PDB file of N, CA and C in Angstrom:
ATOM      1  N   UNK A   1      40.726  41.970 -47.902  1.00  0.00           N
ATOM      2  CA  UNK A   1      41.804  42.383 -47.013  1.00  0.00           C
ATOM      3  C   UNK A   1      42.117  43.862 -47.235  1.00  0.00           C
ATOM      4  N   UNK A   2      42.101  44.303 -48.482  1.00  0.00           N
ATOM      5  CA  UNK A   2      42.447  45.690 -48.769  1.00  0.00           C
ATOM      6  C   UNK A   2      41.473  46.646 -48.093  1.00  0.00           C
ATOM      7  N   UNK A   3      40.178  46.390 -48.255  1.00  0.00           N
ATOM      8  CA  UNK A   3      39.186  47.317 -47.705  1.00  0.00           C
ATOM      9  C   UNK A   3      39.118  47.222 -46.188  1.00  0.00           C
ATOM     10  N   UNK A   4      39.212  46.030 -45.657  1.00  0.00           N
ATOM     11  CA  UNK A   4      39.192  45.930 -44.193  1.00  0.00           C
ATOM     12  C   UNK A   4      40.459  46.540 -43.606  1.00  0.00           C
ATOM     13  N   UNK A   5      41.573  46.450 -44.328  1.00  0.00           N
ATOM     14  CA  UNK A   5      42.813  47.081 -43.871  1.00  0.00           C
ATOM     15  C   UNK A   5      42.692  48.597 -43.847  1.00  0.00           C
ATOM     16  N   UNK A   6      42.074  49.165 -44.884  1.00  0.00           N
ATOM     17  CA  UNK A   6      41.866  50.623 -44.901  1.00  0.00           C
ATOM     18  C   UNK A   6      40.900  51.060 -43.808  1.00  0.00           C
ATOM     19  N   UNK A   7      39.836  50.288 -43.616  1.00  0.00           N
ATOM     20  CA  UNK A   7      38.891  50.603 -42.543  1.00  0.00           C
ATOM     21  C   UNK A   7      39.573  50.528 -41.184  1.00  0.00           C
ATOM     22  N   UNK A   8      40.404  49.529 -40.986  1.00  0.00           N
ATOM     23  CA  UNK A   8      41.112  49.392 -39.711  1.00  0.00           C
ATOM     24  C   UNK A   8      42.128  50.510 -39.513  1.00  0.00           C
ATOM     25  N   UNK A   9      42.791  50.958 -40.568  1.00  0.00           N
ATOM     26  CA  UNK A   9      43.724  52.086 -40.447  1.00  0.00           C
ATOM     27  C   UNK A   9      42.975  53.351 -40.038  1.00  0.00           C
ATOM     28  N   UNK A  10      41.822  53.603 -40.648  1.00  0.00           N
ATOM     29  CA  UNK A  10      41.006  54.764 -40.267  1.00  0.00           C
ATOM     30  C   UNK A  10      40.531  54.628 -38.818  1.00  0.00           C
ATOM     31  N   UNK A  11      40.133  53.425 -38.436  1.00  0.00           N
ATOM     32  CA  UNK A  11      39.702  53.186 -37.054  1.00  0.00           C
ATOM     33  C   UNK A  11      40.836  53.443 -36.064  1.00  0.00           C
ATOM     34  N   UNK A  12      42.035  52.994 -36.378  1.00  0.00           N
ATOM     35  CA  UNK A  12      43.176  53.188 -35.466  1.00  0.00           C
ATOM     36  C   UNK A  12      43.446  54.674 -35.278  1.00  0.00           C
ATOM     37  N   UNK A  13      43.390  55.443 -36.361  1.00  0.00           N
ATOM     38  CA  UNK A  13      43.588  56.889 -36.240  1.00  0.00           C
ATOM     39  C   UNK A  13      42.495  57.496 -35.374  1.00  0.00           C
ATOM     40  N   UNK A  14      41.234  57.129 -35.629  1.00  0.00           N
ATOM     41  CA  UNK A  14      40.130  57.639 -34.805  1.00  0.00           C
ATOM     42  C   UNK A  14      40.306  57.227 -33.352  1.00  0.00           C
ATOM     43  N   UNK A  15      40.663  55.971 -33.131  1.00  0.00           N
ATOM     44  CA  UNK A  15      40.822  55.453 -31.770  1.00  0.00           C
ATOM     45  C   UNK A  15      41.893  56.242 -31.010  1.00  0.00           C
ATOM     46  N   UNK A  16      43.020  56.487 -31.650  1.00  0.00           N
ATOM     47  CA  UNK A  16      44.086  57.252 -30.989  1.00  0.00           C
ATOM     48  C   UNK A  16      43.653  58.679 -30.690  1.00  0.00           C
ATOM     49  N   UNK A  17      42.967  59.314 -31.644  1.00  0.00           N
ATOM     50  CA  UNK A  17      42.478  60.673 -31.405  1.00  0.00           C
ATOM     51  C   UNK A  17      41.374  60.696 -30.353  1.00  0.00           C
ATOM     52  N   UNK A  18      40.588  59.641 -30.308  1.00  0.00           N
ATOM     53  CA  UNK A  18      39.435  59.591 -29.419  1.00  0.00           C
ATOM     54  C   UNK A  18      39.806  59.222 -27.988  1.00  0.00           C
ATOM     55  N   UNK A  19      40.238  57.992 -27.778  1.00  0.00           N
ATOM     56  CA  UNK A  19      40.448  57.519 -26.409  1.00  0.00           C
ATOM     57  C   UNK A  19      41.839  57.794 -25.853  1.00  0.00           C
ATOM     58  N   UNK A  20      42.823  57.975 -26.714  1.00  0.00           N
ATOM     59  CA  UNK A  20      44.167  58.242 -26.218  1.00  0.00           C
ATOM     60  C   UNK A  20      44.396  59.731 -26.020  1.00  0.00           C
ATOM     61  N   UNK A  21      43.959  60.531 -26.992  1.00  0.00           N
ATOM     62  CA  UNK A  21      44.198  61.971 -26.901  1.00  0.00           C
ATOM     63  C   UNK A  21      43.006  62.784 -26.458  1.00  0.00           C
ATOM     64  N   UNK A  22      41.800  62.251 -26.589  1.00  0.00           N
ATOM     65  CA  UNK A  22      40.604  62.996 -26.220  1.00  0.00           C
ATOM     66  C   UNK A  22      40.329  64.165 -27.152  1.00  0.00           C
ATOM     67  N   UNK A  23      40.871  64.101 -28.365  1.00  0.00           N
ATOM     68  CA  UNK A  23      40.756  65.204 -29.321  1.00  0.00           C
ATOM     69  C   UNK A  23      39.375  65.230 -29.975  1.00  0.00           C
ATOM     70  N   UNK A  24      38.789  64.069 -30.226  1.00  0.00           N
ATOM     71  CA  UNK A  24      37.479  63.993 -30.873  1.00  0.00           C
ATOM     72  C   UNK A  24      36.524  63.167 -30.015  1.00  0.00           C
ATOM     73  N   UNK A  25      35.223  63.469 -30.136  1.00  0.00           N
ATOM     74  CA  UNK A  25      34.200  62.645 -29.503  1.00  0.00           C
ATOM     75  C   UNK A  25      33.859  62.962 -28.064  1.00  0.00           C
ATOM     76  N   UNK A  26      34.494  63.950 -27.485  1.00  0.00           N
ATOM     77  CA  UNK A  26      34.196  64.326 -26.110  1.00  0.00           C
ATOM     78  C   UNK A  26      33.787  65.788 -26.063  1.00  0.00           C
ATOM     79  N   UNK A  27      32.862  66.114 -25.152  1.00  0.00           N
ATOM     80  CA  UNK A  27      32.545  67.519 -24.898  1.00  0.00           C
ATOM     81  C   UNK A  27      33.681  68.135 -24.098  1.00  0.00           C
ATOM     82  N   UNK A  28      33.733  69.437 -24.076  1.00  0.00           N
ATOM     83  CA  UNK A  28      34.793  70.144 -23.351  1.00  0.00           C
ATOM     84  C   UNK A  28      34.801  69.721 -21.884  1.00  0.00           C
ATOM     85  N   UNK A  29      35.961  69.325 -21.380  1.00  0.00           N
ATOM     86  CA  UNK A  29      36.119  68.926 -19.986  1.00  0.00           C
ATOM     87  C   UNK A  29      35.703  67.511 -19.667  1.00  0.00           C
ATOM     88  N   UNK A  30      35.158  66.784 -20.638  1.00  0.00           N
ATOM     89  CA  UNK A  30      34.684  65.418 -20.385  1.00  0.00           C
ATOM     90  C   UNK A  30      35.829  64.406 -20.378  1.00  0.00           C
ATOM     91  N   UNK A  31      36.832  64.596 -21.230  1.00  0.00           N
ATOM     92  CA  UNK A  31      37.984  63.698 -21.287  1.00  0.00           C
ATOM     93  C   UNK A  31      38.948  64.054 -20.162  1.00  0.00           C
ATOM     94  N   UNK A  32      39.318  63.049 -19.371  1.00  0.00           N
ATOM     95  CA  UNK A  32      40.256  63.258 -18.269  1.00  0.00           C
ATOM     96  C   UNK A  32      41.504  62.426 -18.549  1.00  0.00           C
ATOM     97  N   UNK A  33      42.650  63.088 -18.799  1.00  0.00           N
ATOM     98  CA  UNK A  33      43.867  62.316 -19.064  1.00  0.00           C
ATOM     99  C   UNK A  33      44.205  61.385 -17.899  1.00  0.00           C
ATOM    100  N   UNK A  34      44.706  60.206 -18.236  1.00  0.00           N
ATOM    101  CA  UNK A  34      45.130  59.181 -17.283  1.00  0.00           C
ATOM    102  C   UNK A  34      43.982  58.616 -16.441  1.00  0.00           C
ATOM    103  N   UNK A  35      42.750  58.724 -16.933  1.00  0.00           N
ATOM    104  CA  UNK A  35      41.582  58.100 -16.301  1.00  0.00           C
ATOM    105  C   UNK A  35      40.846  57.269 -17.346  1.00  0.00           C
ATOM    106  N   UNK A  36      41.436  56.156 -17.754  1.00  0.00           N
ATOM    107  CA  UNK A  36      40.869  55.400 -18.877  1.00  0.00           C
ATOM    108  C   UNK A  36      39.468  54.852 -18.618  1.00  0.00           C
ATOM    109  N   UNK A  37      39.181  54.406 -17.394  1.00  0.00           N
ATOM    110  CA  UNK A  37      37.853  53.841 -17.122  1.00  0.00           C
ATOM    111  C   UNK A  37      36.775  54.892 -17.351  1.00  0.00           C
ATOM    112  N   UNK A  38      36.972  56.065 -16.780  1.00  0.00           N
ATOM    113  CA  UNK A  38      36.000  57.155 -16.937  1.00  0.00           C
ATOM    114  C   UNK A  38      35.857  57.547 -18.404  1.00  0.00           C
ATOM    115  N   UNK A  39      36.965  57.615 -19.115  1.00  0.00           N
ATOM    116  CA  UNK A  39      36.932  58.010 -20.519  1.00  0.00           C
ATOM    117  C   UNK A  39      36.225  56.965 -21.388  1.00  0.00           C
ATOM    118  N   UNK A  40      36.467  55.700 -21.118  1.00  0.00           N
ATOM    119  CA  UNK A  40      35.827  54.631 -21.899  1.00  0.00           C
ATOM    120  C   UNK A  40      34.327  54.627 -21.652  1.00  0.00           C
ATOM    121  N   UNK A  41      33.914  54.756 -20.407  1.00  0.00           N
ATOM    122  CA  UNK A  41      32.478  54.763 -20.102  1.00  0.00           C
ATOM    123  C   UNK A  41      31.810  55.975 -20.733  1.00  0.00           C
ATOM    124  N   UNK A  42      32.439  57.138 -20.648  1.00  0.00           N
ATOM    125  CA  UNK A  42      31.869  58.345 -21.263  1.00  0.00           C
ATOM    126  C   UNK A  42      31.805  58.212 -22.778  1.00  0.00           C
ATOM    127  N   UNK A  43      32.834  57.616 -23.364  1.00  0.00           N
ATOM    128  CA  UNK A  43      32.876  57.476 -24.822  1.00  0.00           C
ATOM    129  C   UNK A  43      31.812  56.512 -25.327  1.00  0.00           C
ATOM    130  N   UNK A  44      31.682  55.361 -24.700  1.00  0.00           N
ATOM    131  CA  UNK A  44      30.759  54.343 -25.190  1.00  0.00           C
ATOM    132  C   UNK A  44      29.329  54.571 -24.728  1.00  0.00           C
ATOM    133  N   UNK A  45      29.085  55.572 -23.902  1.00  0.00           N
ATOM    134  CA  UNK A  45      27.724  55.934 -23.543  1.00  0.00           C
ATOM    135  C   UNK A  45      27.015  56.584 -24.734  1.00  0.00           C
ATOM    136  N   UNK A  46      27.776  57.050 -25.701  1.00  0.00           N
ATOM    137  CA  UNK A  46      27.238  57.614 -26.937  1.00  0.00           C
ATOM    138  C   UNK A  46      27.108  56.466 -27.941  1.00  0.00           C
ATOM    139  N   UNK A  47      25.873  56.064 -28.255  1.00  0.00           N
ATOM    140  CA  UNK A  47      25.665  54.841 -29.030  1.00  0.00           C
ATOM    141  C   UNK A  47      26.293  54.859 -30.418  1.00  0.00           C
ATOM    142  N   UNK A  48      26.339  55.993 -31.153  1.00  0.00           N
ATOM    143  CA  UNK A  48      27.003  55.920 -32.465  1.00  0.00           C
ATOM    144  C   UNK A  48      28.499  55.595 -32.353  1.00  0.00           C
ATOM    145  N   UNK A  49      29.136  56.082 -31.312  1.00  0.00           N
ATOM    146  CA  UNK A  49      30.556  55.783 -31.105  1.00  0.00           C
ATOM    147  C   UNK A  49      30.724  54.304 -30.770  1.00  0.00           C
ATOM    148  N   UNK A  50      29.883  53.793 -29.897  1.00  0.00           N
ATOM    149  CA  UNK A  50      29.951  52.376 -29.536  1.00  0.00           C
ATOM    150  C   UNK A  50      29.694  51.499 -30.760  1.00  0.00           C
ATOM    151  N   UNK A  51      28.724  51.888 -31.573  1.00  0.00           N
ATOM    152  CA  UNK A  51      28.423  51.131 -32.788  1.00  0.00           C
ATOM    153  C   UNK A  51      29.599  51.161 -33.760  1.00  0.00           C
ATOM    154  N   UNK A  52      30.258  52.310 -33.888  1.00  0.00           N
ATOM    155  CA  UNK A  52      31.442  52.411 -34.742  1.00  0.00           C
ATOM    156  C   UNK A  52      32.525  51.446 -34.280  1.00  0.00           C
ATOM    157  N   UNK A  53      32.748  51.374 -32.976  1.00  0.00           N
ATOM    158  CA  UNK A  53      33.755  50.456 -32.451  1.00  0.00           C
ATOM    159  C   UNK A  53      33.372  49.003 -32.716  1.00  0.00           C
ATOM    160  N   UNK A  54      32.111  48.665 -32.586  1.00  0.00           N
ATOM    161  CA  UNK A  54      31.665  47.292 -32.829  1.00  0.00           C
ATOM    162  C   UNK A  54      31.829  46.926 -34.304  1.00  0.00           C
ATOM    163  N   UNK A  55      31.473  47.836 -35.197  1.00  0.00           N
ATOM    164  CA  UNK A  55      31.645  47.589 -36.633  1.00  0.00           C
ATOM    165  C   UNK A  55      33.130  47.430 -36.974  1.00  0.00           C
ATOM    166  N   UNK A  56      33.966  48.275 -36.384  1.00  0.00           N
ATOM    167  CA  UNK A  56      35.408  48.173 -36.631  1.00  0.00           C
ATOM    168  C   UNK A  56      35.950  46.837 -36.124  1.00  0.00           C
ATOM    169  N   UNK A  57      35.436  46.351 -35.016  1.00  0.00           N
ATOM    170  CA  UNK A  57      35.881  45.053 -34.507  1.00  0.00           C
ATOM    171  C   UNK A  57      35.378  43.920 -35.398  1.00  0.00           C
ATOM    172  N   UNK A  58      34.225  44.108 -36.041  1.00  0.00           N
ATOM    173  CA  UNK A  58      33.767  43.131 -37.028  1.00  0.00           C
ATOM    174  C   UNK A  58      34.733  43.060 -38.199  1.00  0.00           C
ATOM    175  N   UNK A  59      35.194  44.232 -38.659  1.00  0.00           N
ATOM    176  CA  UNK A  59      36.189  44.262 -39.743  1.00  0.00           C
ATOM    177  C   UNK A  59      37.490  43.610 -39.292  1.00  0.00           C
ATOM    178  N   UNK A  60      37.880  43.873 -38.037  1.00  0.00           N
ATOM    179  CA  UNK A  60      39.091  43.249 -37.505  1.00  0.00           C
ATOM    180  C   UNK A  60      38.939  41.731 -37.467  1.00  0.00           C
ATOM    181  N   UNK A  61      37.768  41.253 -37.099  1.00  0.00           N
ATOM    182  CA  UNK A  61      37.509  39.815 -37.035  1.00  0.00           C
ATOM    183  C   UNK A  61      37.682  39.184 -38.417  1.00  0.00           C
ATOM    184  N   UNK A  62      37.092  39.787 -39.431  1.00  0.00           N
ATOM    185  CA  UNK A  62      37.236  39.258 -40.790  1.00  0.00           C
ATOM    186  C   UNK A  62      38.689  39.320 -41.254  1.00  0.00           C
ATOM    187  N   UNK A  63      39.354  40.423 -40.951  1.00  0.00           N
ATOM    188  CA  UNK A  63      40.747  40.621 -41.344  1.00  0.00           C
ATOM    189  C   UNK A  63      41.650  39.582 -40.674  1.00  0.00           C
ATOM    190  N   UNK A  64      41.437  39.365 -39.373  1.00  0.00           N
ATOM    191  CA  UNK A  64      42.231  38.382 -38.642  1.00  0.00           C
ATOM    192  C   UNK A  64      41.987  36.961 -39.136  1.00  0.00           C
ATOM    193  N   UNK A  65      40.731  36.636 -39.395  1.00  0.00           N
ATOM    194  CA  UNK A  65      40.405  35.293 -39.873  1.00  0.00           C
ATOM    195  C   UNK A  65      41.199  34.991 -41.140  1.00  0.00           C
ATOM    196  N   UNK A  66      41.158  35.896 -42.086  1.00  0.00           N
ATOM    197  CA  UNK A  66      41.892  35.679 -43.335  1.00  0.00           C
ATOM    198  C   UNK A  66      43.402  35.741 -43.106  1.00  0.00           C
ATOM    199  N   UNK A  67      43.849  36.690 -42.286  1.00  0.00           N
ATOM    200  CA  UNK A  67      45.281  36.851 -42.046  1.00  0.00           C
ATOM    201  C   UNK A  67      45.910  35.661 -41.347  1.00  0.00           C
ATOM    202  N   UNK A  68      45.239  35.132 -40.338  1.00  0.00           N
ATOM    203  CA  UNK A  68      45.768  33.968 -39.622  1.00  0.00           C
ATOM    204  C   UNK A  68      45.818  32.765 -40.556  1.00  0.00           C
ATOM    205  N   UNK A  69      44.735  32.565 -41.309  1.00  0.00           N
ATOM    206  CA  UNK A  69      44.710  31.452 -42.248  1.00  0.00           C
ATOM    207  C   UNK A  69      45.834  31.601 -43.276  1.00  0.00           C
ATOM    208  N   UNK A  70      46.042  32.814 -43.770  1.00  0.00           N
ATOM    209  CA  UNK A  70      47.075  33.043 -44.779  1.00  0.00           C
ATOM    210  C   UNK A  70      48.475  32.788 -44.228  1.00  0.00           C
ATOM    211  N   UNK A  71      48.723  33.198 -43.006  1.00  0.00           N
ATOM    212  CA  UNK A  71      50.064  32.983 -42.446  1.00  0.00           C
ATOM    213  C   UNK A  71      50.323  31.496 -42.206  1.00  0.00           C
ATOM    214  N   UNK A  72      49.283  30.767 -41.832  1.00  0.00           N
ATOM    215  CA  UNK A  72      49.446  29.320 -41.660  1.00  0.00           C
ATOM    216  C   UNK A  72      49.770  28.653 -42.994  1.00  0.00           C
ATOM    217  N   UNK A  73      49.148  29.130 -44.069  1.00  0.00           N
ATOM    218  CA  UNK A  73      49.460  28.610 -45.401  1.00  0.00           C
ATOM    219  C   UNK A  73      50.874  28.994 -45.818  1.00  0.00           C
ATOM    220  N   UNK A  74      51.240  30.250 -45.559  1.00  0.00           N
ATOM    221  CA  UNK A  74      52.567  30.738 -45.953  1.00  0.00           C
ATOM    222  C   UNK A  74      53.668  29.932 -45.290  1.00  0.00           C
ATOM    223  N   UNK A  75      53.474  29.584 -44.038  1.00  0.00           N
ATOM    224  CA  UNK A  75      54.475  28.789 -43.334  1.00  0.00           C
ATOM    225  C   UNK A  75      54.441  27.321 -43.753  1.00  0.00           C
ATOM    226  N   UNK A  76      53.452  26.956 -44.557  1.00  0.00           N
ATOM    227  CA  UNK A  76      53.367  25.584 -45.048  1.00  0.00           C
ATOM    228  C   UNK A  76      52.828  24.609 -44.018  1.00  0.00           C
ATOM    229  N   UNK A  77      52.092  25.114 -43.056  1.00  0.00           N
ATOM    230  CA  UNK A  77      51.589  24.252 -41.988  1.00  0.00           C
ATOM    231  C   UNK A  77      50.279  23.567 -42.341  1.00  0.00           C
ATOM    232  N   UNK A  78      49.670  23.942 -43.466  1.00  0.00           N
ATOM    233  CA  UNK A  78      48.419  23.281 -43.833  1.00  0.00           C
ATOM    234  C   UNK A  78      48.707  22.085 -44.728  1.00  0.00           C
ATOM    235  N   UNK A  79      48.021  21.047 -44.450  1.00  0.00           N
ATOM    236  CA  UNK A  79      48.093  19.832 -45.267  1.00  0.00           C
ATOM    237  C   UNK A  79      46.662  19.422 -45.582  1.00  0.00           C
ATOM    238  N   UNK A  80      46.521  18.417 -46.407  1.00  0.00           N
ATOM    239  CA  UNK A  80      45.178  17.940 -46.752  1.00  0.00           C
ATOM    240  C   UNK A  80      44.434  17.428 -45.520  1.00  0.00           C
ATOM    241  N   UNK A  81      45.186  16.905 -44.544  1.00  0.00           N
ATOM    242  CA  UNK A  81      44.532  16.333 -43.360  1.00  0.00           C
ATOM    243  C   UNK A  81      44.185  17.374 -42.300  1.00  0.00           C
ATOM    244  N   UNK A  82      44.907  18.491 -42.242  1.00  0.00           N
ATOM    245  CA  UNK A  82      44.625  19.448 -41.165  1.00  0.00           C
ATOM    246  C   UNK A  82      44.087  20.785 -41.661  1.00  0.00           C
ATOM    247  N   UNK A  83      43.798  20.901 -42.936  1.00  0.00           N
ATOM    248  CA  UNK A  83      43.328  22.179 -43.483  1.00  0.00           C
ATOM    249  C   UNK A  83      42.043  22.661 -42.811  1.00  0.00           C
ATOM    250  N   UNK A  84      41.085  21.790 -42.630  1.00  0.00           N
ATOM    251  CA  UNK A  84      39.817  22.174 -42.000  1.00  0.00           C
ATOM    252  C   UNK A  84      40.033  22.623 -40.560  1.00  0.00           C
ATOM    253  N   UNK A  85      40.910  21.938 -39.841  1.00  0.00           N
ATOM    254  CA  UNK A  85      41.192  22.310 -38.451  1.00  0.00           C
ATOM    255  C   UNK A  85      41.871  23.672 -38.368  1.00  0.00           C
ATOM    256  N   UNK A  86      42.769  23.956 -39.294  1.00  0.00           N
ATOM    257  CA  UNK A  86      43.444  25.254 -39.287  1.00  0.00           C
ATOM    258  C   UNK A  86      42.488  26.382 -39.644  1.00  0.00           C
ATOM    259  N   UNK A  87      41.542  26.118 -40.533  1.00  0.00           N
ATOM    260  CA  UNK A  87      40.519  27.127 -40.851  1.00  0.00           C
ATOM    261  C   UNK A  87      39.658  27.406 -39.624  1.00  0.00           C
ATOM    262  N   UNK A  88      39.289  26.363 -38.919  1.00  0.00           N
ATOM    263  CA  UNK A  88      38.502  26.537 -37.692  1.00  0.00           C
ATOM    264  C   UNK A  88      39.323  27.296 -36.650  1.00  0.00           C
ATOM    265  N   UNK A  89      40.600  26.965 -36.531  1.00  0.00           N
ATOM    266  CA  UNK A  89      41.478  27.645 -35.581  1.00  0.00           C
ATOM    267  C   UNK A  89      41.536  29.142 -35.861  1.00  0.00           C
ATOM    268  N   UNK A  90      41.725  29.523 -37.124  1.00  0.00           N
ATOM    269  CA  UNK A  90      41.810  30.944 -37.455  1.00  0.00           C
ATOM    270  C   UNK A  90      40.491  31.651 -37.181  1.00  0.00           C
ATOM    271  N   UNK A  91      39.395  30.992 -37.458  1.00  0.00           N
ATOM    272  CA  UNK A  91      38.084  31.594 -37.214  1.00  0.00           C
ATOM    273  C   UNK A  91      37.812  31.739 -35.719  1.00  0.00           C
ATOM    274  N   UNK A  92      38.179  30.741 -34.928  1.00  0.00           N
ATOM    275  CA  UNK A  92      37.954  30.793 -33.474  1.00  0.00           C
ATOM    276  C   UNK A  92      38.764  31.928 -32.854  1.00  0.00           C
ATOM    277  N   UNK A  93      40.016  32.081 -33.249  1.00  0.00           N
ATOM    278  CA  UNK A  93      40.842  33.168 -32.724  1.00  0.00           C
ATOM    279  C   UNK A  93      40.216  34.516 -33.073  1.00  0.00           C
ATOM    280  N   UNK A  94      39.776  34.681 -34.316  1.00  0.00           N
ATOM    281  CA  UNK A  94      39.168  35.934 -34.744  1.00  0.00           C
ATOM    282  C   UNK A  94      37.895  36.227 -33.949  1.00  0.00           C
ATOM    283  N   UNK A  95      37.081  35.212 -33.697  1.00  0.00           N
ATOM    284  CA  UNK A  95      35.838  35.411 -32.949  1.00  0.00           C
ATOM    285  C   UNK A  95      36.125  35.737 -31.488  1.00  0.00           C
ATOM    286  N   UNK A  96      37.128  35.113 -30.890  1.00  0.00           N
ATOM    287  CA  UNK A  96      37.502  35.421 -29.507  1.00  0.00           C
ATOM    288  C   UNK A  96      37.943  36.875 -29.393  1.00  0.00           C
ATOM    289  N   UNK A  97      38.748  37.333 -30.337  1.00  0.00           N
ATOM    290  CA  UNK A  97      39.188  38.732 -30.330  1.00  0.00           C
ATOM    291  C   UNK A  97      37.974  39.653 -30.485  1.00  0.00           C
ATOM    292  N   UNK A  98      37.073  39.325 -31.405  1.00  0.00           N
ATOM    293  CA  UNK A  98      35.864  40.133 -31.602  1.00  0.00           C
ATOM    294  C   UNK A  98      35.034  40.220 -30.323  1.00  0.00           C
ATOM    295  N   UNK A  99      34.768  39.076 -29.704  1.00  0.00           N
ATOM    296  CA  UNK A  99      33.955  39.069 -28.486  1.00  0.00           C
ATOM    297  C   UNK A  99      34.636  39.822 -27.349  1.00  0.00           C
ATOM    298  N   UNK A 100      35.938  39.673 -27.227  1.00  0.00           N
ATOM    299  CA  UNK A 100      36.661  40.370 -26.172  1.00  0.00           C
ATOM    300  C   UNK A 100      36.607  41.876 -26.325  1.00  0.00           C
ATOM    301  N   UNK A 101      36.881  42.351 -27.535  1.00  0.00           N
ATOM    302  CA  UNK A 101      36.904  43.798 -27.745  1.00  0.00           C
ATOM    303  C   UNK A 101      35.519  44.417 -27.776  1.00  0.00           C
ATOM    304  N   UNK A 102      34.514  43.701 -28.235  1.00  0.00           N
ATOM    305  CA  UNK A 102      33.170  44.278 -28.262  1.00  0.00           C
ATOM    306  C   UNK A 102      32.473  44.179 -26.910  1.00  0.00           C
ATOM    307  N   UNK A 103      33.006  43.388 -26.000  1.00  0.00           N
ATOM    308  CA  UNK A 103      32.366  43.280 -24.683  1.00  0.00           C
ATOM    309  C   UNK A 103      32.370  44.616 -23.936  1.00  0.00           C
ATOM    310  N   UNK A 104      33.356  45.449 -24.180  1.00  0.00           N
ATOM    311  CA  UNK A 104      33.425  46.731 -23.465  1.00  0.00           C
ATOM    312  C   UNK A 104      32.327  47.689 -23.924  1.00  0.00           C
ATOM    313  N   UNK A 105      32.209  48.027 -25.232  1.00  0.00           N
ATOM    314  CA  UNK A 105      31.118  48.920 -25.602  1.00  0.00           C
ATOM    315  C   UNK A 105      29.733  48.338 -25.330  1.00  0.00           C
ATOM    316  N   UNK A 106      29.586  47.033 -25.495  1.00  0.00           N
ATOM    317  CA  UNK A 106      28.290  46.410 -25.210  1.00  0.00           C
ATOM    318  C   UNK A 106      27.958  46.530 -23.721  1.00  0.00           C
ATOM    319  N   UNK A 107      28.948  46.331 -22.855  1.00  0.00           N
ATOM    320  CA  UNK A 107      28.725  46.444 -21.412  1.00  0.00           C
ATOM    321  C   UNK A 107      28.338  47.862 -21.012  1.00  0.00           C
ATOM    322  N   UNK A 108      28.949  48.851 -21.633  1.00  0.00           N
ATOM    323  CA  UNK A 108      28.603  50.247 -21.317  1.00  0.00           C
ATOM    324  C   UNK A 108      27.205  50.545 -21.822  1.00  0.00           C
ATOM    325  N   UNK A 109      26.899  50.144 -23.062  1.00  0.00           N
ATOM    326  CA  UNK A 109      25.562  50.426 -23.614  1.00  0.00           C
ATOM    327  C   UNK A 109      24.469  49.690 -22.844  1.00  0.00           C
ATOM    328  N   UNK A 110      24.783  48.506 -22.316  1.00  0.00           N
ATOM    329  CA  UNK A 110      23.786  47.740 -21.557  1.00  0.00           C
ATOM    330  C   UNK A 110      23.623  48.272 -20.137  1.00  0.00           C
ATOM    331  N   UNK A 111      24.512  49.159 -19.719  1.00  0.00           N
ATOM    332  CA  UNK A 111      24.410  49.713 -18.383  1.00  0.00           C
ATOM    333  C   UNK A 111      25.121  48.894 -17.327  1.00  0.00           C
ATOM    334  N   UNK A 112      25.899  47.930 -17.730  1.00  0.00           N
ATOM    335  CA  UNK A 112      26.633  47.095 -16.760  1.00  0.00           C
ATOM    336  C   UNK A 112      27.846  47.821 -16.206  1.00  0.00           C
ATOM    337  N   UNK A 113      28.351  48.801 -16.947  1.00  0.00           N
ATOM    338  CA  UNK A 113      29.456  49.636 -16.484  1.00  0.00           C
ATOM    339  C   UNK A 113      28.971  51.078 -16.445  1.00  0.00           C
ATOM    340  N   UNK A 114      29.241  51.750 -15.342  1.00  0.00           N
ATOM    341  CA  UNK A 114      28.907  53.175 -15.268  1.00  0.00           C
ATOM    342  C   UNK A 114      29.945  53.913 -14.497  1.00  0.00           C
TER     343      UNK A 114
END
């Protein structure tokens, strides 16, 4: 959790500088404020950037899986009879988030979005 949390904090800073502010990762004039579709397609057309986002979402998936499971334990909702189901629930939520967020860079790299 500690290392994935630090990686996610670094990713959030990069993400804000990259796609929100256009400060890093764009050539001069390439980032257009208030045009998110154009900016996302331009950003993820660069494969190292897309790969960075996918790796960061992998870290988020692992972080969420453990975090969701931990919060369910903290609230005392796990019992001997439902522990396996709650573990599956936390993993499914984490995988859905991973697939949802990685679908954008994968779609740009595959050429489905231009």
